[in-house]
Amino acid sequence: MLNASQEVLQAIEYEKRQAAKKDEILILKGMLSQLVQLESWYGALTGFKAENGLNGKVTEQGERYDLQIRGLSIDQLVKITGYLKQL
């Protein structure tokens, strides 16, 4: 009986973490949608398309995120690299 109680508590904690993660993702998508148009992208948290024609995707890697940007010109690539250096 003691193990069953522990398992129930663990399941409740797991559900709480899952709900918090879902809320975090909804908030993140809300913030991103203020900046770019979000699109479905297979295997990604979300895809995006910017007004300037750039597009890409955001994926989750554990507690971190990856960002892939497509369609950069040389000038845009240099500017983004400079921004990353300052980040």
PDB file of N, CA and C in Angstrom:
ATOM      1  N   MET A   1       0.816  -1.196   0.000  1.00  0.00           N
ATOM      2  CA  MET A   1       0.000   0.000   0.000  1.00  0.00           C
ATOM      3  C   MET A   1       0.864   1.267   0.000  1.00  0.00           C
ATOM      4  N   LEU A   2       1.987   1.199   0.696  1.00  0.00           N
ATOM      5  CA  LEU A   2       2.876   2.351   0.762  1.00  0.00           C
ATOM      6  C   LEU A   2       3.428   2.687  -0.622  1.00  0.00           C
ATOM      7  N   ASN A   3       3.799   1.667  -1.376  1.00  0.00           N
ATOM      8  CA  ASN A   3       4.306   1.901  -2.732  1.00  0.00           C
ATOM      9  C   ASN A   3       3.241   2.503  -3.629  1.00  0.00           C
ATOM     10  N   ALA A   4       2.007   2.065  -3.467  1.00  0.00           N
ATOM     11  CA  ALA A   4       0.916   2.609  -4.272  1.00  0.00           C
ATOM     12  C   ALA A   4       0.724   4.087  -3.982  1.00  0.00           C
ATOM     13  N   SER A   5       0.814   4.474  -2.713  1.00  0.00           N
ATOM     14  CA  SER A   5       0.680   5.885  -2.340  1.00  0.00           C
ATOM     15  C   SER A   5       1.806   6.713  -2.946  1.00  0.00           C
ATOM     16  N   GLN A   6       3.019   6.170  -2.910  1.00  0.00           N
ATOM     17  CA  GLN A   6       4.163   6.870  -3.496  1.00  0.00           C
ATOM     18  C   GLN A   6       3.980   7.024  -5.002  1.00  0.00           C
ATOM     19  N   GLU A   7       3.508   5.980  -5.641  1.00  0.00           N
ATOM     20  CA  GLU A   7       3.304   6.031  -7.083  1.00  0.00           C
ATOM     21  C   GLU A   7       2.228   7.042  -7.458  1.00  0.00           C
ATOM     22  N   VAL A   8       1.190   7.136  -6.649  1.00  0.00           N
ATOM     23  CA  VAL A   8       0.137   8.125  -6.900  1.00  0.00           C
ATOM     24  C   VAL A   8       0.706   9.531  -6.751  1.00  0.00           C
ATOM     25  N   LEU A   9       1.500   9.759  -5.702  1.00  0.00           N
ATOM     26  CA  LEU A   9       2.116  11.077  -5.502  1.00  0.00           C
ATOM     27  C   LEU A   9       3.059  11.419  -6.653  1.00  0.00           C
ATOM     28  N   GLN A  10       3.821  10.440  -7.108  1.00  0.00           N
ATOM     29  CA  GLN A  10       4.725  10.672  -8.236  1.00  0.00           C
ATOM     30  C   GLN A  10       3.942  10.992  -9.503  1.00  0.00           C
ATOM     31  N   ALA A  11       2.840  10.307  -9.700  1.00  0.00           N
ATOM     32  CA  ALA A  11       2.004  10.566 -10.875  1.00  0.00           C
ATOM     33  C   ALA A  11       1.411  11.966 -10.820  1.00  0.00           C
ATOM     34  N   ILE A  12       0.999  12.394  -9.640  1.00  0.00           N
ATOM     35  CA  ILE A  12       0.446  13.743  -9.474  1.00  0.00           C
ATOM     36  C   ILE A  12       1.512  14.788  -9.776  1.00  0.00           C
ATOM     37  N   GLU A  13       2.729  14.585  -9.262  1.00  0.00           N
ATOM     38  CA  GLU A  13       3.830  15.517  -9.525  1.00  0.00           C
ATOM     39  C   GLU A  13       4.170  15.555 -11.009  1.00  0.00           C
ATOM     40  N   TYR A  14       4.163  14.402 -11.647  1.00  0.00           N
ATOM     41  CA  TYR A  14       4.436  14.328 -13.079  1.00  0.00           C
ATOM     42  C   TYR A  14       3.396  15.124 -13.858  1.00  0.00           C
ATOM     43  N   GLU A  15       2.137  14.959 -13.503  1.00  0.00           N
ATOM     44  CA  GLU A  15       1.054  15.692 -14.171  1.00  0.00           C
ATOM     45  C   GLU A  15       1.214  17.199 -13.976  1.00  0.00           C
ATOM     46  N   LYS A  16       1.626  17.615 -12.790  1.00  0.00           N
ATOM     47  CA  LYS A  16       1.847  19.047 -12.522  1.00  0.00           C
ATOM     48  C   LYS A  16       2.970  19.590 -13.401  1.00  0.00           C
ATOM     49  N   ARG A  17       4.061  18.823 -13.511  1.00  0.00           N
ATOM     50  CA  ARG A  17       5.188  19.260 -14.352  1.00  0.00           C
ATOM     51  C   ARG A  17       4.776  19.337 -15.819  1.00  0.00           C
ATOM     52  N   GLN A  18       3.993  18.364 -16.259  1.00  0.00           N
ATOM     53  CA  GLN A  18       3.522  18.362 -17.646  1.00  0.00           C
ATOM     54  C   GLN A  18       2.629  19.567 -17.921  1.00  0.00           C
ATOM     55  N   ALA A  19       1.748  19.896 -16.979  1.00  0.00           N
ATOM     56  CA  ALA A  19       0.858  21.050 -17.145  1.00  0.00           C
ATOM     57  C   ALA A  19       1.668  22.343 -17.170  1.00  0.00           C
ATOM     58  N   ALA A  20       2.686  22.441 -16.304  1.00  0.00           N
ATOM     59  CA  ALA A  20       3.530  23.635 -16.273  1.00  0.00           C
ATOM     60  C   ALA A  20       4.299  23.772 -17.585  1.00  0.00           C
ATOM     61  N   LYS A  21       4.800  22.664 -18.123  1.00  0.00           N
ATOM     62  CA  LYS A  21       5.530  22.697 -19.392  1.00  0.00           C
ATOM     63  C   LYS A  21       4.602  23.118 -20.530  1.00  0.00           C
ATOM     64  N   LYS A  22       3.375  22.613 -20.520  1.00  0.00           N
ATOM     65  CA  LYS A  22       2.406  22.984 -21.551  1.00  0.00           C
ATOM     66  C   LYS A  22       2.113  24.482 -21.486  1.00  0.00           C
ATOM     67  N   ASP A  23       1.952  25.013 -20.273  1.00  0.00           N
ATOM     68  CA  ASP A  23       1.725  26.451 -20.105  1.00  0.00           C
ATOM     69  C   ASP A  23       2.923  27.255 -20.605  1.00  0.00           C
ATOM     70  N   GLU A  24       4.136  26.777 -20.289  1.00  0.00           N
ATOM     71  CA  GLU A  24       5.351  27.461 -20.732  1.00  0.00           C
ATOM     72  C   GLU A  24       5.402  27.538 -22.254  1.00  0.00           C
ATOM     73  N   ILE A  25       5.061  26.455 -22.912  1.00  0.00           N
ATOM     74  CA  ILE A  25       5.088  26.415 -24.376  1.00  0.00           C
ATOM     75  C   ILE A  25       4.036  27.349 -24.962  1.00  0.00           C
ATOM     76  N   LEU A  26       2.855  27.385 -24.359  1.00  0.00           N
ATOM     77  CA  LEU A  26       1.810  28.299 -24.838  1.00  0.00           C
ATOM     78  C   LEU A  26       2.248  29.753 -24.699  1.00  0.00           C
ATOM     79  N   ILE A  27       2.889  30.078 -23.585  1.00  0.00           N
ATOM     80  CA  ILE A  27       3.388  31.441 -23.372  1.00  0.00           C
ATOM     81  C   ILE A  27       4.478  31.763 -24.390  1.00  0.00           C
ATOM     82  N   LEU A  28       5.406  30.823 -24.593  1.00  0.00           N
ATOM     83  CA  LEU A  28       6.476  31.024 -25.568  1.00  0.00           C
ATOM     84  C   LEU A  28       5.914  31.260 -26.963  1.00  0.00           C
ATOM     85  N   LYS A  29       4.966  30.430 -27.372  1.00  0.00           N
ATOM     86  CA  LYS A  29       4.362  30.602 -28.695  1.00  0.00           C
ATOM     87  C   LYS A  29       3.626  31.935 -28.791  1.00  0.00           C
ATOM     88  N   GLY A  30       3.002  32.360 -27.707  1.00  0.00           N
ATOM     89  CA  GLY A  30       2.331  33.659 -27.700  1.00  0.00           C
ATOM     90  C   GLY A  30       3.316  34.798 -27.911  1.00  0.00           C
ATOM     91  N   MET A  31       4.466  34.720 -27.233  1.00  0.00           N
ATOM     92  CA  MET A  31       5.489  35.760 -27.398  1.00  0.00           C
ATOM     93  C   MET A  31       6.058  35.748 -28.811  1.00  0.00           C
ATOM     94  N   LEU A  32       6.345  34.558 -29.328  1.00  0.00           N
ATOM     95  CA  LEU A  32       6.889  34.464 -30.686  1.00  0.00           C
ATOM     96  C   LEU A  32       5.897  34.965 -31.726  1.00  0.00           C
ATOM     97  N   SER A  33       4.617  34.693 -31.491  1.00  0.00           N
ATOM     98  CA  SER A  33       3.600  35.100 -32.471  1.00  0.00           C
ATOM     99  C   SER A  33       3.448  36.613 -32.548  1.00  0.00           C
ATOM    100  N   GLN A  34       3.941  37.331 -31.540  1.00  0.00           N
ATOM    101  CA  GLN A  34       3.940  38.792 -31.593  1.00  0.00           C
ATOM    102  C   GLN A  34       5.022  39.308 -32.546  1.00  0.00           C
ATOM    103  N   LEU A  35       5.992  38.447 -32.860  1.00  0.00           N
ATOM    104  CA  LEU A  35       7.132  38.852 -33.680  1.00  0.00           C
ATOM    105  C   LEU A  35       7.109  38.282 -35.097  1.00  0.00           C
ATOM    106  N   VAL A  36       6.641  37.049 -35.231  1.00  0.00           N
ATOM    107  CA  VAL A  36       6.623  36.362 -36.524  1.00  0.00           C
ATOM    108  C   VAL A  36       5.329  35.568 -36.660  1.00  0.00           C
ATOM    109  N   GLN A  37       5.038  35.153 -37.877  1.00  0.00           N
ATOM    110  CA  GLN A  37       3.875  34.296 -38.115  1.00  0.00           C
ATOM    111  C   GLN A  37       4.286  32.857 -37.814  1.00  0.00           C
ATOM    112  N   LEU A  38       3.548  32.200 -36.924  1.00  0.00           N
ATOM    113  CA  LEU A  38       3.861  30.817 -36.581  1.00  0.00           C
ATOM    114  C   LEU A  38       3.174  29.873 -37.560  1.00  0.00           C
ATOM    115  N   GLU A  39       3.875  28.795 -37.873  1.00  0.00           N
ATOM    116  CA  GLU A  39       3.362  27.799 -38.808  1.00  0.00           C
ATOM    117  C   GLU A  39       3.660  26.411 -38.260  1.00  0.00           C
ATOM    118  N   SER A  40       2.857  25.447 -38.658  1.00  0.00           N
ATOM    119  CA  SER A  40       3.139  24.060 -38.290  1.00  0.00           C
ATOM    120  C   SER A  40       4.409  23.611 -39.000  1.00  0.00           C
ATOM    121  N   TRP A  41       5.224  22.871 -38.296  1.00  0.00           N
ATOM    122  CA  TRP A  41       6.447  22.326 -38.880  1.00  0.00           C
ATOM    123  C   TRP A  41       6.636  20.945 -38.272  1.00  0.00           C
ATOM    124  N   TYR A  42       6.647  19.939 -39.099  1.00  0.00           N
ATOM    125  CA  TYR A  42       6.748  18.562 -38.626  1.00  0.00           C
ATOM    126  C   TYR A  42       8.004  18.374 -37.776  1.00  0.00           C
ATOM    127  N   GLY A  43       7.840  17.776 -36.613  1.00  0.00           N
ATOM    128  CA  GLY A  43       8.971  17.473 -35.746  1.00  0.00           C
ATOM    129  C   GLY A  43       9.520  18.661 -34.990  1.00  0.00           C
ATOM    130  N   ALA A  44       8.806  19.778 -34.984  1.00  0.00           N
ATOM    131  CA  ALA A  44       9.286  20.981 -34.306  1.00  0.00           C
ATOM    132  C   ALA A  44       8.221  21.504 -33.352  1.00  0.00           C
ATOM    133  N   LEU A  45       8.668  22.275 -32.389  1.00  0.00           N
ATOM    134  CA  LEU A  45       7.737  22.951 -31.494  1.00  0.00           C
ATOM    135  C   LEU A  45       6.852  23.881 -32.310  1.00  0.00           C
ATOM    136  N   THR A  46       7.476  24.623 -33.211  1.00  0.00           N
ATOM    137  CA  THR A  46       6.743  25.484 -34.140  1.00  0.00           C
ATOM    138  C   THR A  46       7.658  25.880 -35.289  1.00  0.00           C
ATOM    139  N   GLY A  47       7.042  26.206 -36.379  1.00  0.00           N
ATOM    140  CA  GLY A  47       7.750  26.832 -37.477  1.00  0.00           C
ATOM    141  C   GLY A  47       7.411  28.309 -37.461  1.00  0.00           C
ATOM    142  N   PHE A  48       8.146  29.103 -38.212  1.00  0.00           N
ATOM    143  CA  PHE A  48       7.845  30.530 -38.270  1.00  0.00           C
ATOM    144  C   PHE A  48       8.190  31.091 -39.634  1.00  0.00           C
ATOM    145  N   LYS A  49       7.556  32.200 -39.948  1.00  0.00           N
ATOM    146  CA  LYS A  49       7.858  32.945 -41.169  1.00  0.00           C
ATOM    147  C   LYS A  49       7.828  34.420 -40.795  1.00  0.00           C
ATOM    148  N   ALA A  50       8.914  35.108 -41.107  1.00  0.00           N
ATOM    149  CA  ALA A  50       9.017  36.531 -40.811  1.00  0.00           C
ATOM    150  C   ALA A  50       8.576  37.347 -42.024  1.00  0.00           C
ATOM    151  N   GLU A  51       8.225  38.594 -41.782  1.00  0.00           N
ATOM    152  CA  GLU A  51       7.784  39.487 -42.861  1.00  0.00           C
ATOM    153  C   GLU A  51       8.853  39.689 -43.925  1.00  0.00           C
ATOM    154  N   ASN A  52      10.127  39.548 -43.534  1.00  0.00           N
ATOM    155  CA  ASN A  52      11.218  39.763 -44.481  1.00  0.00           C
ATOM    156  C   ASN A  52      11.528  38.519 -45.315  1.00  0.00           C
ATOM    157  N   GLY A  53      10.707  37.471 -45.185  1.00  0.00           N
ATOM    158  CA  GLY A  53      10.884  36.275 -45.992  1.00  0.00           C
ATOM    159  C   GLY A  53      11.672  35.158 -45.327  1.00  0.00           C
ATOM    160  N   LEU A  54      12.325  35.449 -44.217  1.00  0.00           N
ATOM    161  CA  LEU A  54      13.047  34.396 -43.512  1.00  0.00           C
ATOM    162  C   LEU A  54      12.051  33.438 -42.880  1.00  0.00           C
ATOM    163  N   ASN A  55      12.445  32.181 -42.800  1.00  0.00           N
ATOM    164  CA  ASN A  55      11.599  31.200 -42.133  1.00  0.00           C
ATOM    165  C   ASN A  55      12.490  30.214 -41.405  1.00  0.00           C
ATOM    166  N   GLY A  56      11.871  29.382 -40.600  1.00  0.00           N
ATOM    167  CA  GLY A  56      12.646  28.398 -39.859  1.00  0.00           C
ATOM    168  C   GLY A  56      11.780  27.665 -38.868  1.00  0.00           C
ATOM    169  N   LYS A  57      12.460  27.088 -37.876  1.00  0.00           N
ATOM    170  CA  LYS A  57      11.737  26.311 -36.883  1.00  0.00           C
ATOM    171  C   LYS A  57      12.408  26.416 -35.523  1.00  0.00           C
ATOM    172  N   VAL A  58      11.613  26.117 -34.499  1.00  0.00           N
ATOM    173  CA  VAL A  58      12.085  26.052 -33.125  1.00  0.00           C
ATOM    174  C   VAL A  58      11.835  24.625 -32.650  1.00  0.00           C
ATOM    175  N   THR A  59      12.876  23.991 -32.109  1.00  0.00           N
ATOM    176  CA  THR A  59      12.736  22.646 -31.566  1.00  0.00           C
ATOM    177  C   THR A  59      13.172  22.640 -30.112  1.00  0.00           C
ATOM    178  N   GLU A  60      12.687  21.662 -29.374  1.00  0.00           N
ATOM    179  CA  GLU A  60      13.062  21.495 -27.970  1.00  0.00           C
ATOM    180  C   GLU A  60      14.170  20.464 -27.863  1.00  0.00           C
ATOM    181  N   GLN A  61      15.127  20.746 -27.009  1.00  0.00           N
ATOM    182  CA  GLN A  61      16.195  19.803 -26.682  1.00  0.00           C
ATOM    183  C   GLN A  61      16.293  19.752 -25.165  1.00  0.00           C
ATOM    184  N   GLY A  62      15.438  18.960 -24.549  1.00  0.00           N
ATOM    185  CA  GLY A  62      15.401  18.910 -23.088  1.00  0.00           C
ATOM    186  C   GLY A  62      14.837  20.207 -22.545  1.00  0.00           C
ATOM    187  N   GLU A  63      15.628  20.888 -21.742  1.00  0.00           N
ATOM    188  CA  GLU A  63      15.206  22.164 -21.157  1.00  0.00           C
ATOM    189  C   GLU A  63      15.637  23.357 -22.013  1.00  0.00           C
ATOM    190  N   ARG A  64      16.248  23.096 -23.154  1.00  0.00           N
ATOM    191  CA  ARG A  64      16.753  24.145 -24.045  1.00  0.00           C
ATOM    192  C   ARG A  64      16.001  24.115 -25.364  1.00  0.00           C
ATOM    193  N   TYR A  65      16.231  25.134 -26.154  1.00  0.00           N
ATOM    194  CA  TYR A  65      15.578  25.237 -27.462  1.00  0.00           C
ATOM    195  C   TYR A  65      16.624  25.443 -28.542  1.00  0.00           C
ATOM    196  N   ASP A  66      16.332  24.933 -29.723  1.00  0.00           N
ATOM    197  CA  ASP A  66      17.168  25.156 -30.901  1.00  0.00           C
ATOM    198  C   ASP A  66      16.384  26.018 -31.877  1.00  0.00           C
ATOM    199  N   LEU A  67      17.096  26.878 -32.575  1.00  0.00           N
ATOM    200  CA  LEU A  67      16.493  27.766 -33.564  1.00  0.00           C
ATOM    201  C   LEU A  67      17.199  27.555 -34.894  1.00  0.00           C
ATOM    202  N   GLN A  68      16.440  27.247 -35.916  1.00  0.00           N
ATOM    203  CA  GLN A  68      16.983  27.114 -37.266  1.00  0.00           C
ATOM    204  C   GLN A  68      16.357  28.203 -38.120  1.00  0.00           C
ATOM    205  N   ILE A  69      17.212  28.964 -38.809  1.00  0.00           N
ATOM    206  CA  ILE A  69      16.743  30.054 -39.666  1.00  0.00           C
ATOM    207  C   ILE A  69      17.177  29.745 -41.092  1.00  0.00           C
ATOM    208  N   ARG A  70      16.238  29.865 -42.013  1.00  0.00           N
ATOM    209  CA  ARG A  70      16.528  29.603 -43.425  1.00  0.00           C
ATOM    210  C   ARG A  70      16.365  30.878 -44.240  1.00  0.00           C
ATOM    211  N   GLY A  71      17.140  30.964 -45.302  1.00  0.00           N
ATOM    212  CA  GLY A  71      16.982  32.057 -46.246  1.00  0.00           C
ATOM    213  C   GLY A  71      17.779  33.303 -45.930  1.00  0.00           C
ATOM    214  N   LEU A  72      18.812  33.181 -45.097  1.00  0.00           N
ATOM    215  CA  LEU A  72      19.617  34.349 -44.730  1.00  0.00           C
ATOM    216  C   LEU A  72      20.528  34.791 -45.872  1.00  0.00           C
ATOM    217  N   SER A  73      20.599  36.092 -46.062  1.00  0.00           N
ATOM    218  CA  SER A  73      21.614  36.651 -46.957  1.00  0.00           C
ATOM    219  C   SER A  73      22.924  36.731 -46.164  1.00  0.00           C
ATOM    220  N   ILE A  74      24.006  37.036 -46.840  1.00  0.00           N
ATOM    221  CA  ILE A  74      25.292  37.185 -46.147  1.00  0.00           C
ATOM    222  C   ILE A  74      25.197  38.287 -45.099  1.00  0.00           C
ATOM    223  N   ASP A  75      24.593  39.404 -45.462  1.00  0.00           N
ATOM    224  CA  ASP A  75      24.451  40.527 -44.535  1.00  0.00           C
ATOM    225  C   ASP A  75      23.636  40.125 -43.301  1.00  0.00           C
ATOM    226  N   GLN A  76      22.530  39.429 -43.520  1.00  0.00           N
ATOM    227  CA  GLN A  76      21.695  38.993 -42.397  1.00  0.00           C
ATOM    228  C   GLN A  76      22.442  37.994 -41.518  1.00  0.00           C
ATOM    229  N   LEU A  77      23.194  37.099 -42.129  1.00  0.00           N
ATOM    230  CA  LEU A  77      23.972  36.121 -41.376  1.00  0.00           C
ATOM    231  C   LEU A  77      24.997  36.809 -40.479  1.00  0.00           C
ATOM    232  N   VAL A  78      25.690  37.800 -41.017  1.00  0.00           N
ATOM    233  CA  VAL A  78      26.685  38.534 -40.239  1.00  0.00           C
ATOM    234  C   VAL A  78      26.012  39.296 -39.095  1.00  0.00           C
ATOM    235  N   LYS A  79      24.872  39.934 -39.368  1.00  0.00           N
ATOM    236  CA  LYS A  79      24.157  40.669 -38.323  1.00  0.00           C
ATOM    237  C   LYS A  79      23.681  39.748 -37.205  1.00  0.00           C
ATOM    238  N   ILE A  80      23.134  38.596 -37.572  1.00  0.00           N
ATOM    239  CA  ILE A  80      22.658  37.659 -36.550  1.00  0.00           C
ATOM    240  C   ILE A  80      23.826  37.103 -35.748  1.00  0.00           C
ATOM    241  N   THR A  81      24.928  36.816 -36.411  1.00  0.00           N
ATOM    242  CA  THR A  81      26.106  36.327 -35.703  1.00  0.00           C
ATOM    243  C   THR A  81      26.608  37.377 -34.721  1.00  0.00           C
ATOM    244  N   GLY A  82      26.597  38.640 -35.126  1.00  0.00           N
ATOM    245  CA  GLY A  82      26.978  39.721 -34.220  1.00  0.00           C
ATOM    246  C   GLY A  82      26.043  39.814 -33.030  1.00  0.00           C
ATOM    247  N   TYR A  83      24.757  39.642 -33.277  1.00  0.00           N
ATOM    248  CA  TYR A  83      23.786  39.667 -32.183  1.00  0.00           C
ATOM    249  C   TYR A  83      24.034  38.501 -31.224  1.00  0.00           C
ATOM    250  N   LEU A  84      24.308  37.319 -31.765  1.00  0.00           N
ATOM    251  CA  LEU A  84      24.571  36.152 -30.923  1.00  0.00           C
ATOM    252  C   LEU A  84      25.787  36.367 -30.036  1.00  0.00           C
ATOM    253  N   LYS A  85      26.789  37.049 -30.584  1.00  0.00           N
ATOM    254  CA  LYS A  85      27.992  37.333 -29.804  1.00  0.00           C
ATOM    255  C   LYS A  85      27.664  38.209 -28.601  1.00  0.00           C
ATOM    256  N   GLN A  86      26.704  39.110 -28.755  1.00  0.00           N
ATOM    257  CA  GLN A  86      26.324  40.035 -27.682  1.00  0.00           C
ATOM    258  C   GLN A  86      25.346  39.417 -26.685  1.00  0.00           C
ATOM    259  N   LEU A  87      24.697  38.327 -27.067  1.00  0.00           N
ATOM    260  CA  LEU A  87      23.649  37.710 -26.260  1.00  0.00           C
ATOM    261  C   LEU A  87      24.157  37.148 -24.959  1.00  0.00           C
TER     262      LEU A  87
END
